[in-house]
Amino acid sequence: MSPPYATTGMTARETILDVDVARMRVAWLAEAEGLEHYNASAQVIDAGGEACRVIWIADLLPDAAAPGIGGIIEQGLETMKRHQEQTHAAD
């Protein structure tokens, strides 16, 4: 189980479905109370220079869970950004 997400307190069992190193992409599913379905992928795209973009796609049910999951995604993206900035600040 994942630790509780700060934005919702939700915990989830996440299973990695695929890791594509060449495309810098990972896909997974999550099982959690209140979710009927959740599949997602995240991919890092080179944006030139030392910049990158992360594309995070989530498919979930029920639709009513979207705001909470959106908060978790935002939290995850912010954590990735902070890590990237700290890593490059040390260079």
PDB file of N, CA and C in Angstrom:
ATOM      1  N   MET A   1       0.842  -1.181   0.000  1.00  0.00           N
ATOM      2  CA  MET A   1       0.000   0.000   0.000  1.00  0.00           C
ATOM      3  C   MET A   1       0.883   1.239   0.000  1.00  0.00           C
ATOM      4  N   SER A   2       0.419   2.246  -0.672  1.00  0.00           N
ATOM      5  CA  SER A   2       1.121   3.521  -0.656  1.00  0.00           C
ATOM      6  C   SER A   2       0.864   4.214   0.683  1.00  0.00           C
ATOM      7  N   PRO A   3       1.771   5.137   1.068  1.00  0.00           N
ATOM      8  CA  PRO A   3       1.453   5.942   2.252  1.00  0.00           C
ATOM      9  C   PRO A   3       0.254   6.835   1.936  1.00  0.00           C
ATOM     10  N   PRO A   4      -0.455   7.341   2.945  1.00  0.00           N
ATOM     11  CA  PRO A   4      -1.603   8.212   2.668  1.00  0.00           C
ATOM     12  C   PRO A   4      -1.180   9.463   1.887  1.00  0.00           C
ATOM     13  N   TYR A   5      -1.968   9.825   0.896  1.00  0.00           N
ATOM     14  CA  TYR A   5      -1.712  11.045   0.138  1.00  0.00           C
ATOM     15  C   TYR A   5      -2.159  12.229   0.977  1.00  0.00           C
ATOM     16  N   ALA A   6      -1.299  13.240   1.082  1.00  0.00           N
ATOM     17  CA  ALA A   6      -1.577  14.391   1.946  1.00  0.00           C
ATOM     18  C   ALA A   6      -2.857  15.116   1.562  1.00  0.00           C
ATOM     19  N   THR A   7      -3.170  15.158   0.272  1.00  0.00           N
ATOM     20  CA  THR A   7      -4.331  15.938  -0.162  1.00  0.00           C
ATOM     21  C   THR A   7      -5.657  15.270   0.172  1.00  0.00           C
ATOM     22  N   THR A   8      -5.667  13.929   0.303  1.00  0.00           N
ATOM     23  CA  THR A   8      -6.943  13.241   0.515  1.00  0.00           C
ATOM     24  C   THR A   8      -6.929  12.256   1.674  1.00  0.00           C
ATOM     25  N   GLY A   9      -5.764  11.850   2.137  1.00  0.00           N
ATOM     26  CA  GLY A   9      -5.676  10.809   3.156  1.00  0.00           C
ATOM     27  C   GLY A   9      -5.897   9.416   2.589  1.00  0.00           C
ATOM     28  N   MET A  10      -6.105   9.308   1.278  1.00  0.00           N
ATOM     29  CA  MET A  10      -6.354   8.039   0.598  1.00  0.00           C
ATOM     30  C   MET A  10      -5.076   7.198   0.544  1.00  0.00           C
ATOM     31  N   THR A  11      -5.211   5.898   0.701  1.00  0.00           N
ATOM     32  CA  THR A  11      -4.117   4.976   0.422  1.00  0.00           C
ATOM     33  C   THR A  11      -4.530   4.121  -0.764  1.00  0.00           C
ATOM     34  N   ALA A  12      -3.547   3.628  -1.495  1.00  0.00           N
ATOM     35  CA  ALA A  12      -3.850   2.835  -2.689  1.00  0.00           C
ATOM     36  C   ALA A  12      -2.821   1.732  -2.855  1.00  0.00           C
ATOM     37  N   ARG A  13      -3.222   0.655  -3.474  1.00  0.00           N
ATOM     38  CA  ARG A  13      -2.314  -0.403  -3.892  1.00  0.00           C
ATOM     39  C   ARG A  13      -2.022  -0.134  -5.369  1.00  0.00           C
ATOM     40  N   GLU A  14      -0.771   0.179  -5.668  1.00  0.00           N
ATOM     41  CA  GLU A  14      -0.386   0.524  -7.040  1.00  0.00           C
ATOM     42  C   GLU A  14       0.425  -0.608  -7.647  1.00  0.00           C
ATOM     43  N   THR A  15       0.094  -0.962  -8.880  1.00  0.00           N
ATOM     44  CA  THR A  15       0.785  -2.021  -9.611  1.00  0.00           C
ATOM     45  C   THR A  15       1.365  -1.437 -10.888  1.00  0.00           C
ATOM     46  N   ILE A  16       2.668  -1.588 -11.080  1.00  0.00           N
ATOM     47  CA  ILE A  16       3.314  -1.118 -12.306  1.00  0.00           C
ATOM     48  C   ILE A  16       2.928  -2.066 -13.440  1.00  0.00           C
ATOM     49  N   LEU A  17       2.426  -1.507 -14.517  1.00  0.00           N
ATOM     50  CA  LEU A  17       2.028  -2.296 -15.677  1.00  0.00           C
ATOM     51  C   LEU A  17       3.127  -2.350 -16.732  1.00  0.00           C
ATOM     52  N   ASP A  18       3.841  -1.229 -16.904  1.00  0.00           N
ATOM     53  CA  ASP A  18       4.871  -1.172 -17.939  1.00  0.00           C
ATOM     54  C   ASP A  18       5.851  -0.047 -17.628  1.00  0.00           C
ATOM     55  N   VAL A  19       7.119  -0.290 -17.896  1.00  0.00           N
ATOM     56  CA  VAL A  19       8.154   0.737 -17.838  1.00  0.00           C
ATOM     57  C   VAL A  19       8.851   0.723 -19.185  1.00  0.00           C
ATOM     58  N   ASP A  20       8.781   1.829 -19.888  1.00  0.00           N
ATOM     59  CA  ASP A  20       9.421   1.968 -21.194  1.00  0.00           C
ATOM     60  C   ASP A  20      10.539   3.006 -21.048  1.00  0.00           C
ATOM     61  N   VAL A  21      11.760   2.522 -20.831  1.00  0.00           N
ATOM     62  CA  VAL A  21      12.899   3.409 -20.580  1.00  0.00           C
ATOM     63  C   VAL A  21      13.168   4.289 -21.793  1.00  0.00           C
ATOM     64  N   ALA A  22      13.091   3.737 -22.988  1.00  0.00           N
ATOM     65  CA  ALA A  22      13.379   4.504 -24.206  1.00  0.00           C
ATOM     66  C   ALA A  22      12.415   5.685 -24.364  1.00  0.00           C
ATOM     67  N   ARG A  23      11.153   5.488 -24.011  1.00  0.00           N
ATOM     68  CA  ARG A  23      10.152   6.562 -24.125  1.00  0.00           C
ATOM     69  C   ARG A  23       9.993   7.349 -22.832  1.00  0.00           C
ATOM     70  N   MET A  24      10.765   6.997 -21.793  1.00  0.00           N
ATOM     71  CA  MET A  24      10.690   7.631 -20.476  1.00  0.00           C
ATOM     72  C   MET A  24       9.239   7.664 -19.982  1.00  0.00           C
ATOM     73  N   ARG A  25       8.615   6.479 -19.990  1.00  0.00           N
ATOM     74  CA  ARG A  25       7.191   6.360 -19.673  1.00  0.00           C
ATOM     75  C   ARG A  25       6.960   5.203 -18.721  1.00  0.00           C
ATOM     76  N   VAL A  26       6.070   5.400 -17.759  1.00  0.00           N
ATOM     77  CA  VAL A  26       5.644   4.349 -16.848  1.00  0.00           C
ATOM     78  C   VAL A  26       4.111   4.330 -16.819  1.00  0.00           C
ATOM     79  N   ALA A  27       3.549   3.129 -16.756  1.00  0.00           N
ATOM     80  CA  ALA A  27       2.091   2.980 -16.674  1.00  0.00           C
ATOM     81  C   ALA A  27       1.776   2.106 -15.463  1.00  0.00           C
ATOM     82  N   TRP A  28       0.676   2.433 -14.777  1.00  0.00           N
ATOM     83  CA  TRP A  28       0.312   1.680 -13.582  1.00  0.00           C
ATOM     84  C   TRP A  28      -1.193   1.688 -13.385  1.00  0.00           C
ATOM     85  N   LEU A  29      -1.642   0.836 -12.484  1.00  0.00           N
ATOM     86  CA  LEU A  29      -3.035   0.853 -12.048  1.00  0.00           C
ATOM     87  C   LEU A  29      -3.035   1.020 -10.546  1.00  0.00           C
ATOM     88  N   ALA A  30      -4.124   1.515 -10.028  1.00  0.00           N
ATOM     89  CA  ALA A  30      -4.260   1.684  -8.585  1.00  0.00           C
ATOM     90  C   ALA A  30      -5.605   1.135  -8.143  1.00  0.00           C
ATOM     91  N   GLU A  31      -5.589   0.496  -6.986  1.00  0.00           N
ATOM     92  CA  GLU A  31      -6.805   0.000  -6.363  1.00  0.00           C
ATOM     93  C   GLU A  31      -6.940   0.699  -5.019  1.00  0.00           C
ATOM     94  N   ALA A  32      -8.075   1.318  -4.792  1.00  0.00           N
ATOM     95  CA  ALA A  32      -8.311   2.035  -3.542  1.00  0.00           C
ATOM     96  C   ALA A  32      -9.803   2.075  -3.263  1.00  0.00           C
ATOM     97  N   GLU A  33     -10.131   2.210  -2.001  1.00  0.00           N
ATOM     98  CA  GLU A  33     -11.528   2.336  -1.615  1.00  0.00           C
ATOM     99  C   GLU A  33     -12.127   3.562  -2.300  1.00  0.00           C
ATOM    100  N   GLY A  34     -13.278   3.389  -2.908  1.00  0.00           N
ATOM    101  CA  GLY A  34     -13.945   4.493  -3.585  1.00  0.00           C
ATOM    102  C   GLY A  34     -13.609   4.601  -5.064  1.00  0.00           C
ATOM    103  N   LEU A  35     -12.620   3.850  -5.531  1.00  0.00           N
ATOM    104  CA  LEU A  35     -12.288   3.857  -6.959  1.00  0.00           C
ATOM    105  C   LEU A  35     -12.773   2.558  -7.592  1.00  0.00           C
ATOM    106  N   GLU A  36     -13.527   2.682  -8.653  1.00  0.00           N
ATOM    107  CA  GLU A  36     -13.950   1.504  -9.414  1.00  0.00           C
ATOM    108  C   GLU A  36     -12.870   1.125 -10.428  1.00  0.00           C
ATOM    109  N   HIS A  37     -12.152   2.132 -10.907  1.00  0.00           N
ATOM    110  CA  HIS A  37     -11.169   1.927 -11.971  1.00  0.00           C
ATOM    111  C   HIS A  37     -10.157   3.060 -11.926  1.00  0.00           C
ATOM    112  N   TYR A  38      -8.865   2.730 -12.052  1.00  0.00           N
ATOM    113  CA  TYR A  38      -7.832   3.769 -12.166  1.00  0.00           C
ATOM    114  C   TYR A  38      -6.635   3.185 -12.905  1.00  0.00           C
ATOM    115  N   ASN A  39      -6.360   3.707 -14.072  1.00  0.00           N
ATOM    116  CA  ASN A  39      -5.152   3.418 -14.838  1.00  0.00           C
ATOM    117  C   ASN A  39      -4.505   4.749 -15.153  1.00  0.00           C
ATOM    118  N   ALA A  40      -3.183   4.784 -15.148  1.00  0.00           N
ATOM    119  CA  ALA A  40      -2.497   6.043 -15.424  1.00  0.00           C
ATOM    120  C   ALA A  40      -1.157   5.780 -16.088  1.00  0.00           C
ATOM    121  N   SER A  41      -0.632   6.826 -16.696  1.00  0.00           N
ATOM    122  CA  SER A  41       0.726   6.789 -17.232  1.00  0.00           C
ATOM    123  C   SER A  41       1.345   8.164 -17.038  1.00  0.00           C
ATOM    124  N   ALA A  42       2.666   8.162 -16.921  1.00  0.00           N
ATOM    125  CA  ALA A  42       3.414   9.407 -16.844  1.00  0.00           C
ATOM    126  C   ALA A  42       4.597   9.270 -17.784  1.00  0.00           C
ATOM    127  N   GLN A  43       4.844  10.332 -18.531  1.00  0.00           N
ATOM    128  CA  GLN A  43       5.930  10.321 -19.503  1.00  0.00           C
ATOM    129  C   GLN A  43       6.684  11.634 -19.419  1.00  0.00           C
ATOM    130  N   VAL A  44       8.014  11.543 -19.447  1.00  0.00           N
ATOM    131  CA  VAL A  44       8.868  12.720 -19.443  1.00  0.00           C
ATOM    132  C   VAL A  44       9.218  13.042 -20.888  1.00  0.00           C
ATOM    133  N   ILE A  45       8.996  14.286 -21.278  1.00  0.00           N
ATOM    134  CA  ILE A  45       9.264  14.755 -22.639  1.00  0.00           C
ATOM    135  C   ILE A  45      10.376  15.796 -22.577  1.00  0.00           C
ATOM    136  N   ASP A  46      11.390  15.634 -23.407  1.00  0.00           N
ATOM    137  CA  ASP A  46      12.476  16.611 -23.496  1.00  0.00           C
ATOM    138  C   ASP A  46      11.913  17.908 -24.063  1.00  0.00           C
ATOM    139  N   ALA A  47      12.125  19.007 -23.351  1.00  0.00           N
ATOM    140  CA  ALA A  47      11.628  20.311 -23.799  1.00  0.00           C
ATOM    141  C   ALA A  47      12.778  21.202 -24.273  1.00  0.00           C
ATOM    142  N   GLY A  48      13.934  20.610 -24.503  1.00  0.00           N
ATOM    143  CA  GLY A  48      15.083  21.368 -24.992  1.00  0.00           C
ATOM    144  C   GLY A  48      15.932  21.911 -23.858  1.00  0.00           C
ATOM    145  N   GLY A  49      17.216  21.991 -24.105  1.00  0.00           N
ATOM    146  CA  GLY A  49      18.125  22.456 -23.066  1.00  0.00           C
ATOM    147  C   GLY A  49      18.094  21.488 -21.903  1.00  0.00           C
ATOM    148  N   GLU A  50      17.945  22.028 -20.720  1.00  0.00           N
ATOM    149  CA  GLU A  50      17.831  21.169 -19.535  1.00  0.00           C
ATOM    150  C   GLU A  50      16.397  21.108 -19.028  1.00  0.00           C
ATOM    151  N   ALA A  51      15.460  21.494 -19.868  1.00  0.00           N
ATOM    152  CA  ALA A  51      14.052  21.513 -19.475  1.00  0.00           C
ATOM    153  C   ALA A  51      13.352  20.224 -19.905  1.00  0.00           C
ATOM    154  N   CYS A  52      12.289  19.899 -19.192  1.00  0.00           N
ATOM    155  CA  CYS A  52      11.463  18.757 -19.571  1.00  0.00           C
ATOM    156  C   CYS A  52      10.022  19.047 -19.184  1.00  0.00           C
ATOM    157  N   ARG A  53       9.132  18.245 -19.736  1.00  0.00           N
ATOM    158  CA  ARG A  53       7.712  18.305 -19.377  1.00  0.00           C
ATOM    159  C   ARG A  53       7.291  16.917 -18.953  1.00  0.00           C
ATOM    160  N   VAL A  54       6.340  16.836 -18.044  1.00  0.00           N
ATOM    161  CA  VAL A  54       5.787  15.554 -17.635  1.00  0.00           C
ATOM    162  C   VAL A  54       4.325  15.534 -18.048  1.00  0.00           C
ATOM    163  N   ILE A  55       3.968  14.499 -18.779  1.00  0.00           N
ATOM    164  CA  ILE A  55       2.581  14.290 -19.192  1.00  0.00           C
ATOM    165  C   ILE A  55       2.038  13.155 -18.321  1.00  0.00           C
ATOM    166  N   TRP A  56       1.010  13.447 -17.526  1.00  0.00           N
ATOM    167  CA  TRP A  56       0.405  12.459 -16.631  1.00  0.00           C
ATOM    168  C   TRP A  56      -1.034  12.295 -17.080  1.00  0.00           C
ATOM    169  N   ILE A  57      -1.371  11.096 -17.505  1.00  0.00           N
ATOM    170  CA  ILE A  57      -2.722  10.799 -17.987  1.00  0.00           C
ATOM    171  C   ILE A  57      -3.361   9.814 -17.015  1.00  0.00           C
ATOM    172  N   ALA A  58      -4.574  10.115 -16.571  1.00  0.00           N
ATOM    173  CA  ALA A  58      -5.292   9.227 -15.654  1.00  0.00           C
ATOM    174  C   ALA A  58      -6.687   8.955 -16.194  1.00  0.00           C
ATOM    175  N   ASP A  59      -7.087   7.695 -16.119  1.00  0.00           N
ATOM    176  CA  ASP A  59      -8.424   7.257 -16.503  1.00  0.00           C
ATOM    177  C   ASP A  59      -9.039   6.628 -15.263  1.00  0.00           C
ATOM    178  N   LEU A  60     -10.142   7.203 -14.761  1.00  0.00           N
ATOM    179  CA  LEU A  60     -10.678   6.715 -13.494  1.00  0.00           C
ATOM    180  C   LEU A  60     -12.195   6.766 -13.458  1.00  0.00           C
ATOM    181  N   LEU A  61     -12.731   5.951 -12.578  1.00  0.00           N
ATOM    182  CA  LEU A  61     -14.156   5.935 -12.250  1.00  0.00           C
ATOM    183  C   LEU A  61     -14.271   5.774 -10.748  1.00  0.00           C
ATOM    184  N   PRO A  62     -15.245   6.345 -10.130  1.00  0.00           N
ATOM    185  CA  PRO A  62     -16.294   7.193 -10.687  1.00  0.00           C
ATOM    186  C   PRO A  62     -15.770   8.608 -10.952  1.00  0.00           C
ATOM    187  N   ASP A  63     -16.491   9.319 -11.784  1.00  0.00           N
ATOM    188  CA  ASP A  63     -16.118  10.697 -12.113  1.00  0.00           C
ATOM    189  C   ASP A  63     -16.018  11.570 -10.863  1.00  0.00           C
ATOM    190  N   ALA A  64     -16.815  11.265  -9.851  1.00  0.00           N
ATOM    191  CA  ALA A  64     -16.814  12.068  -8.620  1.00  0.00           C
ATOM    192  C   ALA A  64     -15.470  12.019  -7.897  1.00  0.00           C
ATOM    193  N   ALA A  65     -14.635  11.029  -8.201  1.00  0.00           N
ATOM    194  CA  ALA A  65     -13.319  10.923  -7.566  1.00  0.00           C
ATOM    195  C   ALA A  65     -12.286  11.831  -8.232  1.00  0.00           C
ATOM    196  N   ALA A  66     -12.617  12.393  -9.383  1.00  0.00           N
ATOM    197  CA  ALA A  66     -11.649  13.186 -10.158  1.00  0.00           C
ATOM    198  C   ALA A  66     -11.044  14.359  -9.380  1.00  0.00           C
ATOM    199  N   PRO A  67     -11.806  15.156  -8.632  1.00  0.00           N
ATOM    200  CA  PRO A  67     -11.175  16.270  -7.915  1.00  0.00           C
ATOM    201  C   PRO A  67     -10.109  15.808  -6.908  1.00  0.00           C
ATOM    202  N   GLY A  68     -10.396  14.770  -6.155  1.00  0.00           N
ATOM    203  CA  GLY A  68      -9.419  14.255  -5.194  1.00  0.00           C
ATOM    204  C   GLY A  68      -8.188  13.685  -5.876  1.00  0.00           C
ATOM    205  N   ILE A  69      -8.410  12.923  -6.937  1.00  0.00           N
ATOM    206  CA  ILE A  69      -7.289  12.354  -7.693  1.00  0.00           C
ATOM    207  C   ILE A  69      -6.499  13.477  -8.353  1.00  0.00           C
ATOM    208  N   GLY A  70      -7.183  14.507  -8.834  1.00  0.00           N
ATOM    209  CA  GLY A  70      -6.485  15.662  -9.418  1.00  0.00           C
ATOM    210  C   GLY A  70      -5.533  16.296  -8.419  1.00  0.00           C
ATOM    211  N   GLY A  71      -5.950  16.381  -7.168  1.00  0.00           N
ATOM    212  CA  GLY A  71      -5.079  16.915  -6.118  1.00  0.00           C
ATOM    213  C   GLY A  71      -3.864  16.039  -5.891  1.00  0.00           C
ATOM    214  N   ILE A  72      -4.054  14.726  -5.938  1.00  0.00           N
ATOM    215  CA  ILE A  72      -2.937  13.789  -5.783  1.00  0.00           C
ATOM    216  C   ILE A  72      -1.959  13.942  -6.944  1.00  0.00           C
ATOM    217  N   ILE A  73      -2.488  14.089  -8.158  1.00  0.00           N
ATOM    218  CA  ILE A  73      -1.630  14.274  -9.333  1.00  0.00           C
ATOM    219  C   ILE A  73      -0.837  15.570  -9.198  1.00  0.00           C
ATOM    220  N   GLU A  74      -1.493  16.639  -8.796  1.00  0.00           N
ATOM    221  CA  GLU A  74      -0.790  17.921  -8.612  1.00  0.00           C
ATOM    222  C   GLU A  74       0.310  17.779  -7.566  1.00  0.00           C
ATOM    223  N   GLN A  75       0.018  17.084  -6.479  1.00  0.00           N
ATOM    224  CA  GLN A  75       1.012  16.854  -5.431  1.00  0.00           C
ATOM    225  C   GLN A  75       2.199  16.072  -6.003  1.00  0.00           C
ATOM    226  N   GLY A  76       1.924  15.051  -6.792  1.00  0.00           N
ATOM    227  CA  GLY A  76       2.995  14.257  -7.402  1.00  0.00           C
ATOM    228  C   GLY A  76       3.848  15.069  -8.355  1.00  0.00           C
ATOM    229  N   LEU A  77       3.204  15.889  -9.187  1.00  0.00           N
ATOM    230  CA  LEU A  77       3.951  16.723 -10.127  1.00  0.00           C
ATOM    231  C   LEU A  77       4.814  17.749  -9.397  1.00  0.00           C
ATOM    232  N   GLU A  78       4.277  18.330  -8.337  1.00  0.00           N
ATOM    233  CA  GLU A  78       5.049  19.304  -7.555  1.00  0.00           C
ATOM    234  C   GLU A  78       6.251  18.635  -6.896  1.00  0.00           C
ATOM    235  N   THR A  79       6.070  17.426  -6.405  1.00  0.00           N
ATOM    236  CA  THR A  79       7.180  16.680  -5.801  1.00  0.00           C
ATOM    237  C   THR A  79       8.262  16.402  -6.843  1.00  0.00           C
ATOM    238  N   MET A  80       7.862  16.002  -8.053  1.00  0.00           N
ATOM    239  CA  MET A  80       8.835  15.768  -9.126  1.00  0.00           C
ATOM    240  C   MET A  80       9.598  17.047  -9.464  1.00  0.00           C
ATOM    241  N   LYS A  81       8.880  18.158  -9.559  1.00  0.00           N
ATOM    242  CA  LYS A  81       9.498  19.447  -9.883  1.00  0.00           C
ATOM    243  C   LYS A  81      10.511  19.849  -8.823  1.00  0.00           C
ATOM    244  N   ARG A  82      10.121  19.729  -7.560  1.00  0.00           N
ATOM    245  CA  ARG A  82      11.015  20.086  -6.457  1.00  0.00           C
ATOM    246  C   ARG A  82      12.279  19.226  -6.484  1.00  0.00           C
ATOM    247  N   HIS A  83      12.116  17.927  -6.707  1.00  0.00           N
ATOM    248  CA  HIS A  83      13.257  17.019  -6.772  1.00  0.00           C
ATOM    249  C   HIS A  83      14.191  17.399  -7.917  1.00  0.00           C
ATOM    250  N   GLN A  84      13.617  17.683  -9.072  1.00  0.00           N
ATOM    251  CA  GLN A  84      14.412  18.069 -10.245  1.00  0.00           C
ATOM    252  C   GLN A  84      15.193  19.360  -9.959  1.00  0.00           C
ATOM    253  N   GLU A  85      14.534  20.341  -9.380  1.00  0.00           N
ATOM    254  CA  GLU A  85      15.190  21.613  -9.083  1.00  0.00           C
ATOM    255  C   GLU A  85      16.305  21.429  -8.053  1.00  0.00           C
ATOM    256  N   GLN A  86      16.083  20.619  -7.020  1.00  0.00           N
ATOM    257  CA  GLN A  86      17.104  20.374  -6.010  1.00  0.00           C
ATOM    258  C   GLN A  86      18.278  19.600  -6.587  1.00  0.00           C
ATOM    259  N   THR A  87      17.993  18.651  -7.464  1.00  0.00           N
ATOM    260  CA  THR A  87      19.045  17.860  -8.084  1.00  0.00           C
ATOM    261  C   THR A  87      19.944  18.741  -8.952  1.00  0.00           C
ATOM    262  N   HIS A  88      19.340  19.625  -9.737  1.00  0.00           N
ATOM    263  CA  HIS A  88      20.128  20.479 -10.623  1.00  0.00           C
ATOM    264  C   HIS A  88      20.791  21.640  -9.875  1.00  0.00           C
ATOM    265  N   ALA A  89      20.229  22.051  -8.744  1.00  0.00           N
ATOM    266  CA  ALA A  89      20.860  23.102  -7.945  1.00  0.00           C
ATOM    267  C   ALA A  89      22.172  22.600  -7.357  1.00  0.00           C
ATOM    268  N   ALA A  90      22.263  21.290  -7.129  1.00  0.00           N
ATOM    269  CA  ALA A  90      23.475  20.698  -6.562  1.00  0.00           C
ATOM    270  C   ALA A  90      24.580  20.530  -7.614  1.00  0.00           C
ATOM    271  N   ASP A  91      24.253  20.662  -8.892  1.00  0.00           N
ATOM    272  CA  ASP A  91      25.248  20.460  -9.969  1.00  0.00           C
ATOM    273  C   ASP A  91      26.270  21.554 -10.016  1.00  0.00           C
TER     274      ASP A  91
END
